[in-house]
Protein backbone atom coordinates (compact mmCIF):
# COMPACT_ATOMS: atom_id res chain seq x y z
CA MET A 1 1.37 -8.87 -20.32
CA LYS A 2 1.82 -8.34 -16.58
CA LEU A 3 -0.42 -7.11 -13.79
CA VAL A 4 1.40 -5.03 -11.17
CA VAL A 5 -0.50 -5.02 -7.88
CA GLY A 6 0.80 -2.44 -5.41
CA ILE A 7 -0.55 -2.20 -1.87
CA VAL A 8 0.41 1.24 -0.61
CA HIS A 9 -0.41 3.58 2.28
CA SER A 10 -3.38 5.81 1.53
CA ASP A 11 -1.19 8.91 2.07
CA ASP A 12 0.98 7.85 -0.90
CA ALA A 13 -1.78 6.68 -3.25
CA GLU A 14 -2.72 10.01 -4.86
CA THR A 15 0.91 10.88 -5.63
CA LEU A 16 1.52 7.41 -7.06
CA ILE A 17 -1.51 7.57 -9.34
CA ARG A 18 -0.66 11.09 -10.53
CA VAL A 19 2.92 10.10 -11.44
CA LEU A 20 1.77 6.90 -13.16
CA GLU A 21 -0.70 8.90 -15.26
CA GLN A 22 2.00 11.47 -16.14
CA LYS A 23 4.13 8.59 -17.43
CA GLY A 24 1.23 7.36 -19.58
CA GLN A 25 0.25 4.40 -17.41
CA ARG A 26 -3.43 3.73 -16.79
CA CYS A 27 -4.24 2.34 -13.38
CA THR A 28 -7.09 1.49 -11.04
CA MET A 29 -7.15 2.18 -7.32
CA ILE A 30 -9.18 0.19 -4.82
CA SER A 31 -9.49 1.52 -1.27
CA THR A 32 -8.58 -1.22 1.19
CA THR A 33 -8.00 -1.65 4.91
CA GLY A 34 -5.69 -4.06 6.53
CA GLY A 35 -2.59 -4.82 8.41
CA PHE A 36 -1.68 -4.51 12.02
CA LEU A 37 -3.10 -1.00 12.51
CA ARG A 38 -6.29 -1.44 10.46
CA GLU A 39 -5.52 1.81 8.65
CA GLY A 40 -6.45 2.81 5.15
CA ASN A 41 -4.46 1.40 2.28
CA ALA A 42 -4.87 1.58 -1.44
CA THR A 43 -4.44 -1.31 -3.84
CA VAL A 44 -3.25 0.03 -7.19
CA LEU A 45 -3.61 -2.21 -10.26
CA VAL A 46 -1.55 -1.52 -13.38
CA GLY A 47 -1.66 -3.67 -16.51
CA VAL A 48 1.57 -3.30 -18.50
CA SER A 49 3.75 -5.01 -21.05
CA GLU A 50 6.73 -6.93 -19.72
CA GLU A 51 9.07 -4.16 -20.87
CA GLN A 52 7.20 -1.55 -18.77
CA VAL A 53 7.31 -3.43 -15.45
CA ASP A 54 10.60 -1.89 -14.29
CA GLN A 55 9.34 1.63 -15.05
CA VAL A 56 6.21 1.05 -12.93
CA LEU A 57 8.25 -0.46 -10.10
CA ASP A 58 10.55 2.59 -10.15
CA VAL A 59 7.56 4.93 -9.88
CA ILE A 60 6.18 2.94 -6.93
CA ARG A 61 9.60 2.94 -5.25
CA GLU A 62 9.94 6.71 -5.65
CA SER A 63 6.36 7.58 -4.63
CA CYS A 64 5.76 5.34 -1.62
CA HIS A 65 7.82 5.88 1.50
CA ALA A 66 7.95 4.07 4.82
CA ARG A 67 7.49 6.21 7.93
CA THR A 68 7.23 5.64 11.66
CA GLN A 69 4.14 6.26 13.74
CA LEU A 70 3.38 6.08 17.46
CA VAL A 71 0.43 3.86 18.40
CA SER A 72 -1.06 2.86 21.71
CA PRO A 73 -1.22 -0.91 22.15
CA LEU A 74 -4.46 -2.58 23.17
CA PRO A 75 -4.71 -3.15 26.92
CA PRO A 76 -4.43 -6.73 28.14
CA VAL A 77 -7.33 -8.36 29.93
CA ALA A 78 -7.08 -7.11 33.50
CA GLU A 79 -8.63 -8.14 36.78
CA ALA A 80 -10.99 -5.79 38.57
CA GLY A 81 -9.04 -3.07 40.31
CA GLU A 82 -5.94 -3.35 38.12
CA PHE A 83 -4.79 -0.39 36.07
CA TYR A 84 -3.02 -0.49 32.76
CA ILE A 85 -1.40 2.63 31.37
CA PRO A 86 -0.45 2.02 27.73
CA LYS A 87 2.93 3.25 26.58
CA PRO A 88 2.98 4.30 22.91
CA VAL A 89 4.95 2.02 20.62
CA GLU A 90 6.75 3.19 17.49
CA VAL A 91 5.87 1.14 14.39
CA GLN A 92 6.79 1.41 10.72
CA VAL A 93 3.95 2.18 8.30
CA GLY A 94 3.79 3.00 4.62
CA GLY A 95 6.07 1.82 1.89
CA ALA A 96 4.67 -0.61 -0.63
CA THR A 97 4.09 -4.31 -1.08
CA VAL A 98 4.14 -5.17 -4.78
CA PHE A 99 3.19 -8.30 -6.70
CA VAL A 100 3.89 -8.78 -10.41
CA LEU A 101 1.57 -11.37 -11.94
CA ASP A 102 1.47 -12.98 -15.37
CA VAL A 103 -1.71 -12.23 -17.30
CA VAL A 104 -2.91 -15.14 -19.38
CA ARG A 105 -5.65 -13.22 -21.11
CA SER A 106 -6.77 -9.60 -21.22
CA GLU A 107 -9.79 -8.14 -22.98
CA LYS A 108 -11.00 -4.58 -23.24
CA TYR A 109 -14.52 -3.70 -24.38
């Protein structure tokens, strides 16, 4: 048995969960925050047999897309009287970070 842990952008989470459920995969979503931008993410947990791992990875790959976003950087520490006008920076957000872990034991009550 394997545990697939996918950390995805919150915009992609609902689509991912819907497609996983349509394919007969049960999953759990945990709302998380992290990364450079401190934006909302979702950690999706899927317990599957070893034969089903590739199917789940394909669904994640198809459902979660990277995109670019403009953000304003934090101003540096400035002396009194100095002005700092932030210029927006384009960064890549979204996509998915996926871990596939071996499960030593699983119980369901």
